[in-house]
Amino acid sequence: RGADGTAIFAMSDQKDVALEIHVTNLPSDPAEPQRDGDDAHEAVLTATFPPELPYSALRPYDGWAPSPVVCLANQNGSQVECELGNPMKRGAQVRFFLILSTLGITIQTTDLAVELALSTISEQPGLEPVVARARVVIELPLSVTGVAVPPRLFFGGVVRGESAMRRESQVGSAVRFEVTVSNRGQSLKTLGSAFLTLLWPHEISNGKWLLYPLHLELAAAPGQWVACSPPANPLRLALVPPWEGGTGMR
């Protein structure tokens, strides 16, 4: 739970979530159990769900006797009516789980709210709906792997100043860094939802280039390439085509 007591739902790759329901028909004052309380006739729980979290199924509470609850959902799962008993006896308690599908939750979902409303044809003053709220935190199981091709470099050749460099071949031997980001969890809906920061030996202590960024590209999808920021090749050297995508530095 957060600092304000709101539940926090940390989601990675689970397909559903269980909402625990506990309904009681107990006297309002345990010290005077005979003052009020009676059987609740046609006791019904109506639960209303957000589009991101539709109703999926009913499950009994572990360790409890088989529940007499019967639930009927509408066509899109945005609302369900659960019969709690007719009557729900005085002193009775009913506990069960509503299973909700998480397939509608996206990377942009920040909070969820489920409204729970009890009703009965018996006299029950002050029966107000209850809202179960949760903040959503998306936990993406991302992994990053990388390989350098070739894995070893040798420095040498004619020393040139930066101002004398005009083309790619003058900046030394090429090394290609191929970085792969894998997501084993929920699918990202937009590429802007995740960021990868790459750090490399950029220059030596006197400001001279060490690994010059010649070409940087992100493979967004097969055949699609997205430029990285900041742009590579700041000296605007003439490149030798073709680059076949990936991340290249010299």
Protein backbone atom coordinates (compact mmCIF):
# COMPACT_ATOMS: atom_id res chain seq x y z
CA ARG A 1 0.00 0.00 0.00
CA GLY A 2 1.01 3.59 -0.62
CA ALA A 3 1.49 6.27 2.01
CA ASP A 4 -2.20 7.26 1.73
CA GLY A 5 -3.38 3.67 2.25
CA THR A 6 -4.34 3.09 -1.39
CA ALA A 7 -3.52 -0.39 -2.63
CA ILE A 8 -0.75 -0.65 -5.22
CA PHE A 9 -1.17 -3.21 -7.98
CA ALA A 10 2.25 -4.18 -9.39
CA MET A 11 1.64 -5.86 -12.73
CA SER A 12 4.12 -7.75 -14.86
CA ASP A 13 2.72 -10.64 -16.91
CA GLN A 14 -0.24 -11.94 -14.86
CA LYS A 15 -3.40 -12.47 -16.90
CA ASP A 16 -5.89 -11.92 -14.09
CA VAL A 17 -6.25 -10.53 -10.59
CA ALA A 18 -8.44 -11.69 -7.69
CA LEU A 19 -10.64 -9.18 -5.84
CA GLU A 20 -11.51 -10.53 -2.39
CA ILE A 21 -15.12 -9.92 -1.33
CA HIS A 22 -16.27 -10.26 2.30
CA VAL A 23 -19.96 -9.59 3.03
CA THR A 24 -21.42 -9.90 6.53
CA ASN A 25 -24.91 -9.70 8.00
CA LEU A 26 -23.95 -9.05 11.62
CA PRO A 27 -25.49 -6.87 14.33
CA SER A 28 -24.26 -3.29 14.17
CA ASP A 29 -23.25 -3.44 17.84
CA PRO A 30 -21.72 -6.76 18.97
CA ALA A 31 -22.27 -5.73 22.60
CA GLU A 32 -26.06 -5.65 21.97
CA PRO A 33 -26.61 -8.42 19.40
CA GLN A 34 -30.40 -8.47 19.85
CA ARG A 35 -30.92 -4.74 19.26
CA ASP A 36 -30.98 -5.08 15.48
CA GLY A 37 -30.16 -7.49 12.68
CA ASP A 38 -32.38 -9.82 10.70
CA ASP A 39 -32.28 -12.07 7.68
CA ALA A 40 -31.51 -10.09 4.49
CA HIS A 41 -33.95 -11.10 1.75
CA GLU A 42 -32.83 -10.99 -1.88
CA ALA A 43 -29.33 -9.90 -0.85
CA VAL A 44 -27.38 -8.91 -3.97
CA LEU A 45 -23.92 -7.51 -4.59
CA THR A 46 -23.54 -5.41 -7.75
CA ALA A 47 -19.93 -4.83 -8.81
CA THR A 48 -19.02 -2.34 -11.55
CA PHE A 49 -15.60 -2.62 -13.21
CA PRO A 50 -13.50 -0.24 -15.32
CA PRO A 51 -12.95 -1.13 -19.01
CA GLU A 52 -9.34 -2.10 -18.23
CA LEU A 53 -10.42 -4.74 -15.68
CA PRO A 54 -13.53 -6.69 -16.81
CA TYR A 55 -15.10 -9.57 -14.89
CA SER A 56 -13.85 -13.05 -15.72
CA ALA A 57 -15.01 -15.62 -13.13
CA LEU A 58 -16.12 -16.42 -9.58
CA ARG A 59 -13.88 -18.41 -7.25
CA PRO A 60 -14.59 -19.71 -3.71
CA TYR A 61 -12.49 -18.53 -0.79
CA ASP A 62 -9.87 -21.12 0.25
CA GLY A 63 -10.74 -22.92 3.47
CA TRP A 64 -14.38 -21.83 3.51
CA ALA A 65 -17.42 -23.98 2.89
CA PRO A 66 -18.74 -24.00 -0.68
CA SER A 67 -20.19 -20.55 -1.32
CA PRO A 68 -23.91 -20.20 -2.15
CA VAL A 69 -23.03 -17.16 -4.27
CA VAL A 70 -24.15 -17.11 -7.91
CA CYS A 71 -22.85 -14.34 -10.20
CA LEU A 72 -24.25 -13.17 -13.53
CA ALA A 73 -22.20 -10.76 -15.67
CA ASN A 74 -23.29 -8.51 -18.52
CA GLN A 75 -21.98 -9.05 -22.05
CA ASN A 76 -18.77 -6.99 -21.83
CA GLY A 77 -17.95 -7.86 -18.23
CA SER A 78 -18.28 -4.28 -16.98
CA GLN A 79 -20.83 -5.28 -14.32
CA VAL A 80 -21.76 -8.40 -12.40
CA GLU A 81 -24.64 -9.17 -10.02
CA CYS A 82 -23.98 -11.76 -7.33
CA GLU A 83 -26.83 -13.33 -5.37
CA LEU A 84 -25.67 -13.68 -1.77
CA GLY A 85 -28.68 -15.60 -0.48
CA ASN A 86 -32.44 -15.36 -0.23
CA PRO A 87 -32.33 -14.83 2.57
CA MET A 88 -28.82 -14.17 3.75
CA LYS A 89 -29.23 -15.34 7.31
CA ARG A 90 -28.70 -13.16 10.35
CA GLY A 91 -25.08 -13.59 11.50
CA ALA A 92 -23.99 -15.02 8.14
CA GLN A 93 -20.71 -14.19 6.43
CA VAL A 94 -19.91 -14.77 2.77
CA ARG A 95 -16.39 -14.65 1.38
CA PHE A 96 -15.34 -15.22 -2.24
CA PHE A 97 -13.12 -13.93 -5.04
CA LEU A 98 -14.10 -12.10 -8.20
CA ILE A 99 -11.52 -12.91 -10.89
CA LEU A 100 -10.85 -9.95 -13.17
CA SER A 101 -9.00 -9.95 -16.48
CA THR A 102 -5.97 -7.65 -16.80
CA LEU A 103 -5.80 -7.85 -20.61
CA GLY A 104 -7.22 -4.31 -20.94
CA ILE A 105 -4.50 -2.74 -18.80
CA THR A 106 -1.92 -0.83 -20.84
CA ILE A 107 1.32 0.95 -20.05
CA GLN A 108 -0.74 4.15 -19.69
CA THR A 109 -3.05 2.76 -16.97
CA THR A 110 -2.35 4.53 -13.68
CA ASP A 111 -5.28 3.62 -11.44
CA LEU A 112 -8.29 1.31 -11.19
CA ALA A 113 -11.58 1.61 -9.31
CA VAL A 114 -14.25 -1.05 -8.68
CA GLU A 115 -17.60 0.00 -7.20
CA LEU A 116 -19.29 -2.51 -4.88
CA ALA A 117 -22.96 -1.93 -4.02
CA LEU A 118 -25.11 -4.10 -1.72
CA SER A 119 -28.88 -4.25 -1.96
CA THR A 120 -31.71 -6.11 -0.20
CA ILE A 121 -35.49 -5.80 -0.06
CA SER A 122 -35.18 -5.97 3.73
CA GLU A 123 -34.91 -2.73 5.67
CA GLN A 124 -31.28 -1.64 5.67
CA PRO A 125 -30.67 2.09 6.24
CA GLY A 126 -27.33 3.64 5.29
CA LEU A 127 -26.27 0.94 2.83
CA GLU A 128 -23.73 2.94 0.79
CA PRO A 129 -21.58 1.71 -2.12
CA VAL A 130 -17.92 0.97 -1.45
CA VAL A 131 -15.18 1.79 -3.98
CA ALA A 132 -12.09 -0.43 -4.07
CA ARG A 133 -9.22 1.60 -5.53
CA ALA A 134 -5.72 0.66 -6.58
CA ARG A 135 -2.81 2.44 -8.21
CA VAL A 136 -1.17 0.53 -11.05
CA VAL A 137 2.58 0.07 -11.40
CA ILE A 138 3.74 -1.75 -14.54
CA GLU A 139 6.77 -3.95 -13.89
CA LEU A 140 8.34 -4.93 -17.21
CA PRO A 141 10.88 -7.76 -16.98
CA LEU A 142 13.29 -6.18 -19.44
CA SER A 143 16.70 -7.62 -20.15
CA VAL A 144 19.60 -6.13 -22.11
CA THR A 145 22.34 -8.04 -23.89
CA GLY A 146 25.14 -6.74 -26.10
CA VAL A 147 28.00 -7.93 -28.26
CA ALA A 148 30.92 -6.12 -29.90
CA VAL A 149 32.01 -7.10 -33.44
CA PRO A 150 34.96 -7.54 -33.60
CA PRO A 151 35.58 -8.14 -29.89
CA ARG A 152 39.17 -6.75 -30.08
CA LEU A 153 40.56 -3.58 -31.70
CA PHE A 154 44.06 -2.33 -32.50
CA PHE A 155 44.91 1.35 -32.75
CA GLY A 156 47.49 2.63 -35.23
CA GLY A 157 47.96 4.35 -38.54
CA VAL A 158 48.42 8.01 -39.45
CA VAL A 159 47.46 10.48 -36.73
CA ARG A 160 45.05 13.16 -37.98
CA GLY A 161 43.47 16.08 -36.23
CA GLU A 162 39.69 16.37 -36.06
CA SER A 163 39.58 19.25 -38.54
CA ALA A 164 41.41 17.13 -41.15
CA MET A 165 38.91 14.26 -41.07
CA ARG A 166 36.54 14.15 -44.03
CA ARG A 167 35.42 10.56 -44.44
CA GLU A 168 34.67 7.44 -42.47
CA SER A 169 37.90 5.60 -43.27
CA GLN A 170 39.96 8.31 -41.52
CA VAL A 171 38.58 7.66 -38.02
CA GLY A 172 40.13 4.20 -37.58
CA SER A 173 38.90 0.64 -37.44
CA ALA A 174 35.16 0.09 -37.03
CA VAL A 175 33.52 -1.73 -34.14
CA ARG A 176 29.85 -2.59 -34.19
CA PHE A 177 27.93 -2.84 -30.91
CA GLU A 178 24.72 -4.81 -31.23
CA VAL A 179 22.42 -4.28 -28.25
CA THR A 180 19.22 -6.29 -27.80
CA VAL A 181 16.44 -5.37 -25.36
CA SER A 182 13.98 -8.18 -24.59
CA ASN A 183 10.65 -7.89 -22.82
CA ARG A 184 9.26 -11.14 -21.36
CA GLY A 185 6.19 -9.43 -19.94
CA GLN A 186 3.33 -7.28 -21.15
CA SER A 187 3.60 -5.91 -24.68
CA LEU A 188 4.66 -2.27 -24.95
CA LYS A 189 2.01 -0.28 -26.81
CA THR A 190 4.34 2.57 -27.76
CA LEU A 191 8.08 2.73 -28.31
CA GLY A 192 8.21 5.86 -26.13
CA SER A 193 7.26 3.80 -23.09
CA ALA A 194 10.82 2.56 -22.49
CA PHE A 195 14.23 4.11 -22.88
CA LEU A 196 17.73 2.67 -23.21
CA THR A 197 20.73 4.80 -22.26
CA LEU A 198 24.10 3.75 -23.69
CA LEU A 199 27.40 4.95 -22.24
CA TRP A 200 30.72 4.33 -23.96
CA PRO A 201 34.35 5.61 -23.81
CA HIS A 202 33.74 8.83 -25.72
CA GLU A 203 37.02 10.72 -25.35
CA ILE A 204 40.31 10.74 -23.48
CA SER A 205 41.35 13.29 -20.86
CA ASN A 206 42.60 15.87 -23.39
CA GLY A 207 39.28 15.86 -25.29
CA LYS A 208 40.42 13.73 -28.22
CA TRP A 209 38.01 11.18 -29.66
CA LEU A 210 38.27 7.64 -28.35
CA LEU A 211 35.17 5.89 -29.76
CA TYR A 212 33.56 8.15 -32.35
CA PRO A 213 29.78 7.56 -32.75
CA LEU A 214 29.47 6.92 -36.46
CA HIS A 215 26.00 5.40 -36.76
CA LEU A 216 23.22 4.84 -34.18
CA GLU A 217 19.88 3.27 -35.02
CA LEU A 218 17.08 1.46 -33.22
CA ALA A 219 15.36 -1.44 -34.96
CA ALA A 220 11.73 -0.67 -34.05
CA ALA A 221 10.34 -3.51 -36.18
CA PRO A 222 11.51 -5.63 -39.10
CA GLY A 223 12.53 -3.19 -41.81
CA GLN A 224 11.91 -0.12 -39.60
CA TRP A 225 14.70 2.01 -38.12
CA VAL A 226 14.40 4.87 -35.66
CA ALA A 227 17.17 7.43 -35.12
CA CYS A 228 18.64 7.73 -31.63
CA SER A 229 19.36 10.92 -29.69
CA PRO A 230 21.74 12.71 -29.79
CA PRO A 231 22.41 12.08 -33.50
CA ALA A 232 25.58 10.21 -34.47
CA ASN A 233 28.39 11.40 -36.75
CA PRO A 234 28.64 14.97 -35.36
CA LEU A 235 31.59 15.74 -37.73
CA ARG A 236 29.37 14.87 -40.74
CA LEU A 237 31.96 12.50 -42.17
CA ALA A 238 31.21 10.85 -45.50
CA LEU A 239 30.02 7.31 -44.80
CA VAL A 240 30.78 4.19 -46.79
CA PRO A 241 27.40 2.52 -47.58
CA PRO A 242 25.67 0.40 -46.76
CA TRP A 243 25.13 0.31 -42.99
CA GLU A 244 22.77 -2.54 -42.23
CA GLY A 245 21.30 -1.03 -39.10
CA GLY A 246 22.25 -1.62 -35.48
CA THR A 247 24.61 0.47 -33.38
CA GLY A 248 28.04 1.34 -34.73
CA MET A 249 30.82 3.33 -33.05
CA ARG A 250 34.43 4.01 -33.86
